[in-house]
Amino acid sequence: MSQDTTLNVTEQQTNELRYLYKVMQAIEILGEQPSLNVVAYGKLWRYGDLLKTAVRYAELAELHGNDTSAFKHWFIRDVMMFQ
């Protein structure tokens, strides 16, 4: 992704990315223990929430010019496992 593309990122998207980074840190155990529930940031998080949050996090990370290939590999593997 070019540096010019990252210039189109809004402050709101940057703030959302920061928030989702904190959420992902709080609920990352769900990646290893999908049957658990995690209470964080005033919400009960389940494995499906981890997947949805991870997808949004990756979208925002790509907008900021970050490489998300490791995420894509993990996501595809987990989706195939749970189908």
C-alpha atoms as a PDB file:
ATOM      1  CA  MET A   1       0.000   0.000   0.000  1.00  0.00           C
ATOM      2  CA  SER A   2       1.410   3.383  -0.903  1.00  0.00           C
ATOM      3  CA  GLN A   3       2.127   6.166   1.564  1.00  0.00           C
ATOM      4  CA  ASP A   4      -0.412   8.351  -0.290  1.00  0.00           C
ATOM      5  CA  THR A   5      -3.203   5.934   0.575  1.00  0.00           C
ATOM      6  CA  THR A   6      -2.502   6.208   4.302  1.00  0.00           C
ATOM      7  CA  LEU A   7      -2.969   9.971   4.093  1.00  0.00           C
ATOM      8  CA  ASN A   8      -6.701   9.387   3.502  1.00  0.00           C
ATOM      9  CA  VAL A   9      -7.136   7.792   6.934  1.00  0.00           C
ATOM     10  CA  THR A  10      -9.400   9.806   9.217  1.00  0.00           C
ATOM     11  CA  GLU A  11      -8.740  10.574  12.859  1.00  0.00           C
ATOM     12  CA  GLN A  12     -11.834   8.528  13.715  1.00  0.00           C
ATOM     13  CA  GLN A  13     -10.370   5.489  11.924  1.00  0.00           C
ATOM     14  CA  THR A  14      -7.086   5.919  13.758  1.00  0.00           C
ATOM     15  CA  ASN A  15      -8.896   6.140  17.102  1.00  0.00           C
ATOM     16  CA  GLU A  16     -10.977   3.073  16.244  1.00  0.00           C
ATOM     17  CA  LEU A  17      -7.798   1.169  15.363  1.00  0.00           C
ATOM     18  CA  ARG A  18      -6.259   2.102  18.739  1.00  0.00           C
ATOM     19  CA  TYR A  19      -9.398   0.986  20.581  1.00  0.00           C
ATOM     20  CA  LEU A  20      -9.601  -2.299  18.671  1.00  0.00           C
ATOM     21  CA  TYR A  21      -5.931  -2.952  19.411  1.00  0.00           C
ATOM     22  CA  LYS A  22      -6.726  -2.749  23.134  1.00  0.00           C
ATOM     23  CA  VAL A  23      -9.798  -4.953  22.705  1.00  0.00           C
ATOM     24  CA  MET A  24      -7.809  -7.545  20.763  1.00  0.00           C
ATOM     25  CA  GLN A  25      -5.229  -7.660  23.554  1.00  0.00           C
ATOM     26  CA  ALA A  26      -7.983  -8.211  26.118  1.00  0.00           C
ATOM     27  CA  ILE A  27      -9.746 -10.991  24.195  1.00  0.00           C
ATOM     28  CA  GLU A  28      -6.819 -12.689  22.430  1.00  0.00           C
ATOM     29  CA  ILE A  29      -7.233 -15.798  24.636  1.00  0.00           C
ATOM     30  CA  LEU A  30     -10.332 -16.606  22.585  1.00  0.00           C
ATOM     31  CA  GLY A  31      -8.056 -17.471  19.674  1.00  0.00           C
ATOM     32  CA  GLU A  32      -6.647 -20.344  21.717  1.00  0.00           C
ATOM     33  CA  GLN A  33      -9.726 -21.161  23.787  1.00  0.00           C
ATOM     34  CA  PRO A  34     -12.775 -20.493  21.567  1.00  0.00           C
ATOM     35  CA  SER A  35     -15.211 -21.946  24.111  1.00  0.00           C
ATOM     36  CA  LEU A  36     -14.374 -19.279  26.712  1.00  0.00           C
ATOM     37  CA  ASN A  37     -16.164 -15.991  27.252  1.00  0.00           C
ATOM     38  CA  VAL A  38     -14.238 -12.837  28.154  1.00  0.00           C
ATOM     39  CA  VAL A  39     -15.613  -9.796  29.923  1.00  0.00           C
ATOM     40  CA  ALA A  40     -13.832  -6.642  28.789  1.00  0.00           C
ATOM     41  CA  TYR A  41     -14.768  -3.053  28.058  1.00  0.00           C
ATOM     42  CA  GLY A  42     -18.254  -3.541  29.474  1.00  0.00           C
ATOM     43  CA  LYS A  43     -19.130  -6.416  27.158  1.00  0.00           C
ATOM     44  CA  LEU A  44     -19.147 -10.204  27.118  1.00  0.00           C
ATOM     45  CA  TRP A  45     -16.961 -11.321  24.198  1.00  0.00           C
ATOM     46  CA  ARG A  46     -17.243 -14.695  22.473  1.00  0.00           C
ATOM     47  CA  TYR A  47     -15.190 -16.303  19.729  1.00  0.00           C
ATOM     48  CA  GLY A  48     -17.431 -14.891  16.986  1.00  0.00           C
ATOM     49  CA  ASP A  49     -16.828 -11.426  18.415  1.00  0.00           C
ATOM     50  CA  LEU A  50     -13.084 -12.040  18.174  1.00  0.00           C
ATOM     51  CA  LEU A  51     -13.412 -12.900  14.486  1.00  0.00           C
ATOM     52  CA  LYS A  52     -15.560  -9.838  13.695  1.00  0.00           C
ATOM     53  CA  THR A  53     -13.273  -7.551  15.660  1.00  0.00           C
ATOM     54  CA  ALA A  54     -10.178  -9.021  14.024  1.00  0.00           C
ATOM     55  CA  VAL A  55     -11.613  -8.437  10.548  1.00  0.00           C
ATOM     56  CA  ARG A  56     -12.339  -4.779  11.307  1.00  0.00           C
ATOM     57  CA  TYR A  57      -8.930  -4.377  12.931  1.00  0.00           C
ATOM     58  CA  ALA A  58      -7.248  -5.805   9.814  1.00  0.00           C
ATOM     59  CA  GLU A  59      -9.248  -3.498   7.531  1.00  0.00           C
ATOM     60  CA  LEU A  60      -8.152  -0.467   9.507  1.00  0.00           C
ATOM     61  CA  ALA A  61      -4.569  -1.698   9.770  1.00  0.00           C
ATOM     62  CA  GLU A  62      -4.403  -2.045   5.984  1.00  0.00           C
ATOM     63  CA  LEU A  63      -5.705   1.508   5.594  1.00  0.00           C
ATOM     64  CA  HIS A  64      -2.804   2.608   7.772  1.00  0.00           C
ATOM     65  CA  GLY A  65      -0.357   0.773   5.493  1.00  0.00           C
ATOM     66  CA  ASN A  66       0.297  -2.265   7.700  1.00  0.00           C
ATOM     67  CA  ASP A  67       0.914  -5.772   6.374  1.00  0.00           C
ATOM     68  CA  THR A  68      -1.973  -8.050   7.374  1.00  0.00           C
ATOM     69  CA  SER A  69      -0.836 -11.241   5.639  1.00  0.00           C
ATOM     70  CA  ALA A  70      -0.319 -13.079   8.964  1.00  0.00           C
ATOM     71  CA  PHE A  71      -3.877 -12.193   9.980  1.00  0.00           C
ATOM     72  CA  LYS A  72      -5.280 -13.418   6.678  1.00  0.00           C
ATOM     73  CA  HIS A  73      -3.461 -16.737   7.087  1.00  0.00           C
ATOM     74  CA  TRP A  74      -4.841 -17.162  10.644  1.00  0.00           C
ATOM     75  CA  PHE A  75      -8.359 -16.135   9.654  1.00  0.00           C
ATOM     76  CA  ILE A  76      -8.578 -18.489   6.673  1.00  0.00           C
ATOM     77  CA  ARG A  77      -7.266 -21.377   8.801  1.00  0.00           C
ATOM     78  CA  ASP A  78      -9.820 -20.736  11.576  1.00  0.00           C
ATOM     79  CA  VAL A  79     -12.740 -20.250   9.210  1.00  0.00           C
ATOM     80  CA  MET A  80     -11.941 -23.550   7.497  1.00  0.00           C
ATOM     81  CA  MET A  81     -11.608 -25.286  10.874  1.00  0.00           C
ATOM     82  CA  PHE A  82     -15.036 -24.130  12.081  1.00  0.00           C
ATOM     83  CA  GLN A  83     -16.974 -24.761   8.856  1.00  0.00           C
END
